[in-house]
PDB file of all heavy atoms in Angstrom:
ATOM      1  N   LEU A   1      16.381 -86.155  28.439  1.00  0.00           N
ATOM      2  CA  LEU A   1      15.535 -86.588  27.293  1.00  0.00           C
ATOM      3  C   LEU A   1      14.394 -85.411  27.151  1.00  0.00           C
ATOM      4  O   LEU A   1      14.063 -84.975  26.060  1.00  0.00           O
ATOM      5  CB  LEU A   1      14.836 -87.948  27.550  1.00  0.00           C
ATOM      6  CG  LEU A   1      13.850 -88.446  26.450  1.00  0.00           C
ATOM      7  CD1 LEU A   1      14.571 -88.567  25.097  1.00  0.00           C
ATOM      8  CD2 LEU A   1      13.112 -89.723  26.891  1.00  0.00           C
ATOM      9  N   LEU A   2      13.819 -85.108  28.310  1.00  0.00           N
ATOM     10  CA  LEU A   2      12.777 -84.072  28.215  1.00  0.00           C
ATOM     11  C   LEU A   2      13.330 -82.614  27.670  1.00  0.00           C
ATOM     12  O   LEU A   2      12.708 -82.050  26.810  1.00  0.00           O
ATOM     13  CB  LEU A   2      12.201 -83.700  29.650  1.00  0.00           C
ATOM     14  CG  LEU A   2      11.477 -84.955  30.232  1.00  0.00           C
ATOM     15  CD1 LEU A   2      10.833 -84.615  31.541  1.00  0.00           C
ATOM     16  CD2 LEU A   2      10.440 -85.536  29.450  1.00  0.00           C
ATOM     17  N   ASP A   3      14.533 -82.410  28.007  1.00  0.00           N
ATOM     18  CA  ASP A   3      15.137 -81.164  27.565  1.00  0.00           C
ATOM     19  C   ASP A   3      15.444 -81.292  26.047  1.00  0.00           C
ATOM     20  O   ASP A   3      15.178 -80.431  25.306  1.00  0.00           O
ATOM     21  CB  ASP A   3      16.407 -80.844  28.327  1.00  0.00           C
ATOM     22  CG  ASP A   3      17.000 -79.565  27.986  1.00  0.00           C
ATOM     23  OD1 ASP A   3      16.361 -78.511  27.926  1.00  0.00           O
ATOM     24  OD2 ASP A   3      18.280 -79.409  27.825  1.00  0.00           O
ATOM     25  N   LEU A   4      16.042 -82.395  25.703  1.00  0.00           N
ATOM     26  CA  LEU A   4      16.365 -82.656  24.380  1.00  0.00           C
ATOM     27  C   LEU A   4      15.363 -82.519  23.373  1.00  0.00           C
ATOM     28  O   LEU A   4      15.360 -82.073  22.147  1.00  0.00           O
ATOM     29  CB  LEU A   4      17.175 -84.009  24.182  1.00  0.00           C
ATOM     30  CG  LEU A   4      17.645 -84.338  22.779  1.00  0.00           C
ATOM     31  CD1 LEU A   4      18.848 -83.369  22.282  1.00  0.00           C
ATOM     32  CD2 LEU A   4      18.240 -85.744  22.840  1.00  0.00           C
ATOM     33  N   THR A   5      14.104 -83.137  23.762  1.00  0.00           N
ATOM     34  CA  THR A   5      12.924 -83.186  22.828  1.00  0.00           C
ATOM     35  C   THR A   5      12.145 -81.937  22.897  1.00  0.00           C
ATOM     36  O   THR A   5      11.040 -81.975  22.390  1.00  0.00           O
ATOM     37  CB  THR A   5      12.166 -84.474  23.187  1.00  0.00           C
ATOM     38  OG1 THR A   5      11.818 -84.433  24.620  1.00  0.00           O
ATOM     39  CG2 THR A   5      12.964 -85.708  23.050  1.00  0.00           C
ATOM     40  N   GLY A   6      12.393 -81.051  23.780  1.00  0.00           N
ATOM     41  CA  GLY A   6      11.594 -79.896  23.965  1.00  0.00           C
ATOM     42  C   GLY A   6      10.403 -80.127  24.750  1.00  0.00           C
ATOM     43  O   GLY A   6       9.395 -79.270  24.703  1.00  0.00           O
ATOM     44  N   THR A   7      10.200 -81.153  25.456  1.00  0.00           N
ATOM     45  CA  THR A   7       8.992 -81.576  26.236  1.00  0.00           C
ATOM     46  C   THR A   7       9.151 -81.221  27.771  1.00  0.00           C
ATOM     47  O   THR A   7       8.194 -81.524  28.465  1.00  0.00           O
ATOM     48  CB  THR A   7       8.699 -83.069  25.994  1.00  0.00           C
ATOM     49  OG1 THR A   7       9.756 -83.801  26.509  1.00  0.00           O
ATOM     50  CG2 THR A   7       8.369 -83.310  24.595  1.00  0.00           C
ATOM     51  N   LEU A   8      10.254 -80.813  28.204  1.00  0.00           N
ATOM     52  CA  LEU A   8      10.495 -80.456  29.593  1.00  0.00           C
ATOM     53  C   LEU A   8       9.394 -79.446  30.206  1.00  0.00           C
ATOM     54  O   LEU A   8       8.737 -79.755  31.279  1.00  0.00           O
ATOM     55  CB  LEU A   8      11.806 -79.943  29.878  1.00  0.00           C
ATOM     56  CG  LEU A   8      12.176 -79.671  31.368  1.00  0.00           C
ATOM     57  CD1 LEU A   8      12.147 -80.852  32.144  1.00  0.00           C
ATOM     58  CD2 LEU A   8      13.494 -79.008  31.547  1.00  0.00           C
ATOM     59  N   ASP A   9       9.250 -78.268  29.534  1.00  0.00           N
ATOM     60  CA  ASP A   9       8.264 -77.393  29.969  1.00  0.00           C
ATOM     61  C   ASP A   9       6.836 -77.911  29.951  1.00  0.00           C
ATOM     62  O   ASP A   9       6.006 -77.749  30.888  1.00  0.00           O
ATOM     63  CB  ASP A   9       8.371 -76.064  29.244  1.00  0.00           C
ATOM     64  CG  ASP A   9       9.616 -75.180  29.589  1.00  0.00           C
ATOM     65  OD1 ASP A   9      10.281 -75.539  30.502  1.00  0.00           O
ATOM     66  OD2 ASP A   9      10.048 -74.450  28.744  1.00  0.00           O
ATOM     67  N   TYR A  10       6.473 -78.582  28.799  1.00  0.00           N
ATOM     68  CA  TYR A  10       5.144 -79.038  28.826  1.00  0.00           C
ATOM     69  C   TYR A  10       4.904 -80.116  29.877  1.00  0.00           C
ATOM     70  O   TYR A  10       3.761 -80.094  30.505  1.00  0.00           O
ATOM     71  CB  TYR A  10       4.901 -79.761  27.434  1.00  0.00           C
ATOM     72  CG  TYR A  10       3.611 -80.321  27.154  1.00  0.00           C
ATOM     73  CD1 TYR A  10       2.489 -79.640  27.218  1.00  0.00           C
ATOM     74  CD2 TYR A  10       3.554 -81.801  27.084  1.00  0.00           C
ATOM     75  CE1 TYR A  10       1.235 -80.129  27.045  1.00  0.00           C
ATOM     76  CE2 TYR A  10       2.282 -82.267  26.899  1.00  0.00           C
ATOM     77  CZ  TYR A  10       1.131 -81.618  26.794  1.00  0.00           C
ATOM     78  OH  TYR A  10      -0.183 -82.182  26.725  1.00  0.00           O
ATOM     79  N   LEU A  11       5.824 -81.038  30.129  1.00  0.00           N
ATOM     80  CA  LEU A  11       5.538 -82.096  31.048  1.00  0.00           C
ATOM     81  C   LEU A  11       5.739 -81.649  32.577  1.00  0.00           C
ATOM     82  O   LEU A  11       5.358 -82.316  33.417  1.00  0.00           O
ATOM     83  CB  LEU A  11       6.308 -83.370  30.833  1.00  0.00           C
ATOM     84  CG  LEU A  11       5.963 -84.191  29.562  1.00  0.00           C
ATOM     85  CD1 LEU A  11       6.936 -85.185  29.190  1.00  0.00           C
ATOM     86  CD2 LEU A  11       4.582 -84.822  29.887  1.00  0.00           C
ATOM     87  N   THR A  12       6.335 -80.512  32.769  1.00  0.00           N
ATOM     88  CA  THR A  12       6.671 -80.099  34.085  1.00  0.00           C
ATOM     89  C   THR A  12       5.847 -78.769  34.424  1.00  0.00           C
ATOM     90  O   THR A  12       6.225 -78.209  35.558  1.00  0.00           O
ATOM     91  CB  THR A  12       8.164 -80.064  34.333  1.00  0.00           C
ATOM     92  OG1 THR A  12       8.692 -79.041  33.603  1.00  0.00           O
ATOM     93  CG2 THR A  12       8.758 -81.355  34.196  1.00  0.00           C
ATOM     94  N   SER A  13       5.055 -78.375  33.651  1.00  0.00           N
ATOM     95  CA  SER A  13       4.165 -77.196  34.058  1.00  0.00           C
ATOM     96  C   SER A  13       2.702 -77.563  34.128  1.00  0.00           C
ATOM     97  O   SER A  13       2.274 -78.579  33.506  1.00  0.00           O
ATOM     98  CB  SER A  13       4.342 -76.084  32.937  1.00  0.00           C
ATOM     99  OG  SER A  13       3.841 -76.446  31.692  1.00  0.00           O
ATOM    100  N   THR A  14       1.819 -76.830  34.756  1.00  0.00           N
ATOM    101  CA  THR A  14       0.522 -76.957  34.894  1.00  0.00           C
ATOM    102  C   THR A  14      -0.121 -76.332  33.708  1.00  0.00           C
ATOM    103  O   THR A  14       0.295 -75.385  33.068  1.00  0.00           O
ATOM    104  CB  THR A  14      -0.166 -76.427  36.235  1.00  0.00           C
ATOM    105  OG1 THR A  14       0.251 -75.190  36.267  1.00  0.00           O
ATOM    106  CG2 THR A  14       0.481 -77.249  37.402  1.00  0.00           C
ATOM    107  N   SER A  15      -1.289 -76.720  33.287  1.00  0.00           N
ATOM    108  CA  SER A  15      -2.060 -76.186  32.256  1.00  0.00           C
ATOM    109  C   SER A  15      -2.116 -74.617  32.495  1.00  0.00           C
ATOM    110  O   SER A  15      -2.743 -74.191  33.384  1.00  0.00           O
ATOM    111  CB  SER A  15      -3.414 -76.744  32.033  1.00  0.00           C
ATOM    112  OG  SER A  15      -3.363 -77.887  31.599  1.00  0.00           O
ATOM    113  N   GLY A  16      -1.563 -73.757  31.664  1.00  0.00           N
ATOM    114  CA  GLY A  16      -1.687 -72.312  31.665  1.00  0.00           C
ATOM    115  C   GLY A  16      -1.035 -71.844  32.933  1.00  0.00           C
ATOM    116  O   GLY A  16      -1.168 -70.578  33.208  1.00  0.00           O
ATOM    117  N   GLY A  17      -0.240 -72.600  33.643  1.00  0.00           N
ATOM    118  CA  GLY A  17       0.370 -72.088  34.875  1.00  0.00           C
ATOM    119  C   GLY A  17       1.817 -72.193  34.804  1.00  0.00           C
ATOM    120  O   GLY A  17       2.389 -72.550  33.884  1.00  0.00           O
ATOM    121  N   PRO A  18       2.479 -71.734  35.844  1.00  0.00           N
ATOM    122  CA  PRO A  18       3.947 -71.684  35.987  1.00  0.00           C
ATOM    123  C   PRO A  18       4.448 -73.259  35.961  1.00  0.00           C
ATOM    124  O   PRO A  18       3.684 -74.097  36.285  1.00  0.00           O
ATOM    125  CB  PRO A  18       4.325 -70.995  37.086  1.00  0.00           C
ATOM    126  CG  PRO A  18       3.070 -71.135  38.076  1.00  0.00           C
ATOM    127  CD  PRO A  18       1.964 -71.212  37.074  1.00  0.00           C
ATOM    128  N   ALA A  19       5.791 -73.311  35.820  1.00  0.00           N
ATOM    129  CA  ALA A  19       6.367 -74.647  35.835  1.00  0.00           C
ATOM    130  C   ALA A  19       6.201 -75.251  37.159  1.00  0.00           C
ATOM    131  O   ALA A  19       6.284 -74.665  38.263  1.00  0.00           O
ATOM    132  CB  ALA A  19       7.868 -74.607  35.499  1.00  0.00           C
ATOM    133  N   VAL A  20       6.091 -76.547  37.316  1.00  0.00           N
ATOM    134  CA  VAL A  20       6.011 -77.287  38.578  1.00  0.00           C
ATOM    135  C   VAL A  20       7.318 -77.719  38.922  1.00  0.00           C
ATOM    136  O   VAL A  20       7.974 -78.407  38.183  1.00  0.00           O
ATOM    137  CB  VAL A  20       5.059 -78.391  38.429  1.00  0.00           C
ATOM    138  CG1 VAL A  20       5.018 -79.299  39.710  1.00  0.00           C
ATOM    139  CG2 VAL A  20       3.578 -77.980  38.160  1.00  0.00           C
ATOM    140  N   VAL A  21       7.760 -77.314  40.182  1.00  0.00           N
ATOM    141  CA  VAL A  21       9.075 -77.746  40.548  1.00  0.00           C
ATOM    142  C   VAL A  21       9.020 -79.326  40.955  1.00  0.00           C
ATOM    143  O   VAL A  21       8.162 -79.597  41.777  1.00  0.00           O
ATOM    144  CB  VAL A  21       9.534 -76.884  41.868  1.00  0.00           C
ATOM    145  CG1 VAL A  21      10.950 -77.351  42.347  1.00  0.00           C
ATOM    146  CG2 VAL A  21       9.709 -75.368  41.363  1.00  0.00           C
ATOM    147  N   SER A  22      10.054 -79.947  40.486  1.00  0.00           N
ATOM    148  CA  SER A  22      10.067 -81.360  40.887  1.00  0.00           C
ATOM    149  C   SER A  22      10.481 -81.398  42.256  1.00  0.00           C
ATOM    150  O   SER A  22      11.561 -80.802  42.613  1.00  0.00           O
ATOM    151  CB  SER A  22      11.152 -82.122  40.063  1.00  0.00           C
ATOM    152  OG  SER A  22      11.200 -83.403  40.478  1.00  0.00           O
ATOM    153  N   GLU A  23       9.776 -82.121  43.109  1.00  0.00           N
ATOM    154  CA  GLU A  23      10.089 -82.258  44.482  1.00  0.00           C
ATOM    155  C   GLU A  23      10.967 -83.519  44.699  1.00  0.00           C
ATOM    156  O   GLU A  23      10.672 -84.386  45.457  1.00  0.00           O
ATOM    157  CB  GLU A  23       8.753 -82.358  45.364  1.00  0.00           C
ATOM    158  CG  GLU A  23       7.837 -81.096  45.270  1.00  0.00           C
ATOM    159  CD  GLU A  23       6.581 -81.336  45.941  1.00  0.00           C
ATOM    160  OE1 GLU A  23       6.256 -82.376  46.455  1.00  0.00           O
ATOM    161  OE2 GLU A  23       5.729 -80.325  45.870  1.00  0.00           O
ATOM    162  N   GLY A  24      12.110 -83.426  44.040  1.00  0.00           N
ATOM    163  CA  GLY A  24      12.981 -84.521  44.110  1.00  0.00           C
ATOM    164  C   GLY A  24      14.324 -84.167  44.579  1.00  0.00           C
ATOM    165  O   GLY A  24      14.563 -83.056  44.832  1.00  0.00           O
TER     166      GLY A  24
END
């Protein structure tokens, strides 16, 4: 869903920073 809606990068990155790796 995040990928399809184009929100993956926004919801998984820090403000102005690199993507946050999901620790899952």
